[in-house]
C-alpha atoms as a PDB file:
ATOM      1  CA  UNK A   1      32.336   2.443  23.751  1.00  0.00           C
ATOM      2  CA  UNK A   2      31.721   2.183  27.591  1.00  0.00           C
ATOM      3  CA  UNK A   3      28.700   3.931  27.217  1.00  0.00           C
ATOM      4  CA  UNK A   4      27.335   2.093  24.595  1.00  0.00           C
ATOM      5  CA  UNK A   5      28.271  -1.176  26.017  1.00  0.00           C
ATOM      6  CA  UNK A   6      26.579  -0.079  29.474  1.00  0.00           C
ATOM      7  CA  UNK A   7      23.189   0.863  27.312  1.00  0.00           C
ATOM      8  CA  UNK A   8      23.024  -2.490  25.825  1.00  0.00           C
ATOM      9  CA  UNK A   9      23.839  -4.333  29.388  1.00  0.00           C
ATOM     10  CA  UNK A  10      20.945  -2.419  30.651  1.00  0.00           C
ATOM     11  CA  UNK A  11      18.526  -3.018  27.810  1.00  0.00           C
ATOM     12  CA  UNK A  12      18.540   0.256  26.289  1.00  0.00           C
ATOM     13  CA  UNK A  13      20.062  -1.118  23.195  1.00  0.00           C
ATOM     14  CA  UNK A  14      18.618  -4.671  22.234  1.00  0.00           C
ATOM     15  CA  UNK A  15      21.704  -5.711  20.047  1.00  0.00           C
ATOM     16  CA  UNK A  16      25.245  -3.682  19.809  1.00  0.00           C
ATOM     17  CA  UNK A  17      27.657  -4.380  17.023  1.00  0.00           C
ATOM     18  CA  UNK A  18      31.364  -2.694  16.816  1.00  0.00           C
ATOM     19  CA  UNK A  19      33.282  -2.123  14.060  1.00  0.00           C
ATOM     20  CA  UNK A  20      37.000  -1.146  14.765  1.00  0.00           C
ATOM     21  CA  UNK A  21      38.911  -0.490  11.948  1.00  0.00           C
ATOM     22  CA  UNK A  22      41.859   1.915  13.244  1.00  0.00           C
ATOM     23  CA  UNK A  23      42.552   0.335  16.563  1.00  0.00           C
ATOM     24  CA  UNK A  24      46.085  -1.200  16.230  1.00  0.00           C
ATOM     25  CA  UNK A  25      46.319  -4.493  17.633  1.00  0.00           C
ATOM     26  CA  UNK A  26      42.847  -5.841  16.732  1.00  0.00           C
ATOM     27  CA  UNK A  27      41.415  -7.427  13.458  1.00  0.00           C
ATOM     28  CA  UNK A  28      40.153  -4.497  11.334  1.00  0.00           C
ATOM     29  CA  UNK A  29      36.113  -4.782  11.224  1.00  0.00           C
ATOM     30  CA  UNK A  30      33.899  -2.206   8.823  1.00  0.00           C
ATOM     31  CA  UNK A  31      30.378  -1.022   9.403  1.00  0.00           C
ATOM     32  CA  UNK A  32      29.454  -2.461   6.328  1.00  0.00           C
ATOM     33  CA  UNK A  33      31.004  -5.582   6.766  1.00  0.00           C
ATOM     34  CA  UNK A  34      28.637  -5.780  10.276  1.00  0.00           C
ATOM     35  CA  UNK A  35      25.641  -4.651   8.103  1.00  0.00           C
ATOM     36  CA  UNK A  36      26.120  -7.191   5.441  1.00  0.00           C
ATOM     37  CA  UNK A  37      26.898 -10.237   8.524  1.00  0.00           C
ATOM     38  CA  UNK A  38      23.387  -8.669  10.035  1.00  0.00           C
ATOM     39  CA  UNK A  39      21.498  -8.209   6.928  1.00  0.00           C
ATOM     40  CA  UNK A  40      18.256  -9.993   8.082  1.00  0.00           C
ATOM     41  CA  UNK A  41      18.195  -7.763  11.626  1.00  0.00           C
ATOM     42  CA  UNK A  42      19.236  -4.600  10.044  1.00  0.00           C
ATOM     43  CA  UNK A  43      16.339  -5.267   7.183  1.00  0.00           C
ATOM     44  CA  UNK A  44      13.821  -5.744   9.907  1.00  0.00           C
ATOM     45  CA  UNK A  45      15.225  -2.412  11.811  1.00  0.00           C
ATOM     46  CA  UNK A  46      14.730  -0.746   7.936  1.00  0.00           C
ATOM     47  CA  UNK A  47      11.217  -1.969   7.747  1.00  0.00           C
ATOM     48  CA  UNK A  48      10.546   0.095  11.000  1.00  0.00           C
ATOM     49  CA  UNK A  49       8.906   3.224  10.480  1.00  0.00           C
ATOM     50  CA  UNK A  50      10.758   5.069  13.062  1.00  0.00           C
ATOM     51  CA  UNK A  51      14.000   3.618  11.892  1.00  0.00           C
ATOM     52  CA  UNK A  52      16.526   6.801  11.517  1.00  0.00           C
ATOM     53  CA  UNK A  53      19.416   5.923  10.199  1.00  0.00           C
ATOM     54  CA  UNK A  54      22.899   8.280  11.177  1.00  0.00           C
ATOM     55  CA  UNK A  55      26.476   7.527   9.326  1.00  0.00           C
ATOM     56  CA  UNK A  56      29.424   9.939  10.314  1.00  0.00           C
ATOM     57  CA  UNK A  57      32.770   9.624   9.054  1.00  0.00           C
ATOM     58  CA  UNK A  58      34.379   9.638   5.897  1.00  0.00           C
ATOM     59  CA  UNK A  59      32.517  11.080   2.490  1.00  0.00           C
ATOM     60  CA  UNK A  60      34.626   9.406   0.073  1.00  0.00           C
ATOM     61  CA  UNK A  61      34.509   5.897   0.847  1.00  0.00           C
ATOM     62  CA  UNK A  62      33.331   5.022   4.033  1.00  0.00           C
ATOM     63  CA  UNK A  63      29.906   6.770   3.474  1.00  0.00           C
ATOM     64  CA  UNK A  64      28.959   5.200   0.006  1.00  0.00           C
ATOM     65  CA  UNK A  65      30.152   2.194   1.466  1.00  0.00           C
ATOM     66  CA  UNK A  66      27.861   2.188   4.081  1.00  0.00           C
ATOM     67  CA  UNK A  67      25.128   3.171   1.882  1.00  0.00           C
ATOM     68  CA  UNK A  68      25.836   0.026  -0.756  1.00  0.00           C
ATOM     69  CA  UNK A  69      25.478  -2.122   2.572  1.00  0.00           C
ATOM     70  CA  UNK A  70      21.899  -1.100   3.441  1.00  0.00           C
ATOM     71  CA  UNK A  71      20.990  -1.223  -0.023  1.00  0.00           C
ATOM     72  CA  UNK A  72      22.231  -4.804  -0.160  1.00  0.00           C
ATOM     73  CA  UNK A  73      20.232  -5.632   2.796  1.00  0.00           C
ATOM     74  CA  UNK A  74      17.400  -4.368   1.595  1.00  0.00           C
ATOM     75  CA  UNK A  75      18.053  -6.580  -1.926  1.00  0.00           C
ATOM     76  CA  UNK A  76      19.264  -9.956   0.220  1.00  0.00           C
ATOM     77  CA  UNK A  77      17.029  -9.995   3.044  1.00  0.00           C
ATOM     78  CA  UNK A  78      13.681  -7.953   2.229  1.00  0.00           C
ATOM     79  CA  UNK A  79      13.514  -9.415  -1.321  1.00  0.00           C
ATOM     80  CA  UNK A  80      13.783  -6.463  -3.230  1.00  0.00           C
ATOM     81  CA  UNK A  81      14.995  -5.439  -6.656  1.00  0.00           C
ATOM     82  CA  UNK A  82      18.540  -3.376  -6.212  1.00  0.00           C
ATOM     83  CA  UNK A  83      16.332  -0.394  -7.628  1.00  0.00           C
ATOM     84  CA  UNK A  84      13.579  -0.816  -5.567  1.00  0.00           C
ATOM     85  CA  UNK A  85      16.210  -1.428  -2.401  1.00  0.00           C
ATOM     86  CA  UNK A  86      17.795   2.133  -4.028  1.00  0.00           C
ATOM     87  CA  UNK A  87      14.703   3.793  -3.452  1.00  0.00           C
ATOM     88  CA  UNK A  88      13.614   2.254  -0.485  1.00  0.00           C
ATOM     89  CA  UNK A  89      17.045   3.446   1.428  1.00  0.00           C
ATOM     90  CA  UNK A  90      16.485   6.878  -0.400  1.00  0.00           C
ATOM     91  CA  UNK A  91      13.172   7.202   1.279  1.00  0.00           C
ATOM     92  CA  UNK A  92      14.449   6.273   4.618  1.00  0.00           C
ATOM     93  CA  UNK A  93      15.584   8.973   7.315  1.00  0.00           C
ATOM     94  CA  UNK A  94      18.876   8.384   6.358  1.00  0.00           C
ATOM     95  CA  UNK A  95      21.395  11.618   7.886  1.00  0.00           C
ATOM     96  CA  UNK A  96      24.950  11.650   6.769  1.00  0.00           C
ATOM     97  CA  UNK A  97      27.488  14.136   8.465  1.00  0.00           C
ATOM     98  CA  UNK A  98      30.264  12.978   6.651  1.00  0.00           C
ATOM     99  CA  UNK A  99      33.690  14.664   5.600  1.00  0.00           C
ATOM    100  CA  UNK A 100      36.393  14.630   2.699  1.00  0.00           C
ATOM    101  CA  UNK A 101      39.020  12.675   3.765  1.00  0.00           C
END
């Protein structure tokens, strides 16, 4: 977390959104919630041919929800039909390192 914050501060990262769902004492925020809340920014990044998405975590619930959030961003912010958005995300460099939870 500190390393990412430092990269944001020095300009290596242009934006940083942190989702904490397992930290006690803070409100739960999920990755898919942040994707939805920032759909226009996410869509702008998704359209870049050099875009790479890496998803790590639970294969049962989290990974499908995150993929759906990217599809929804392409649909809502990109103006695509749902089927076109699904195809678009399917054609992205979208890498999952997931495990059964």
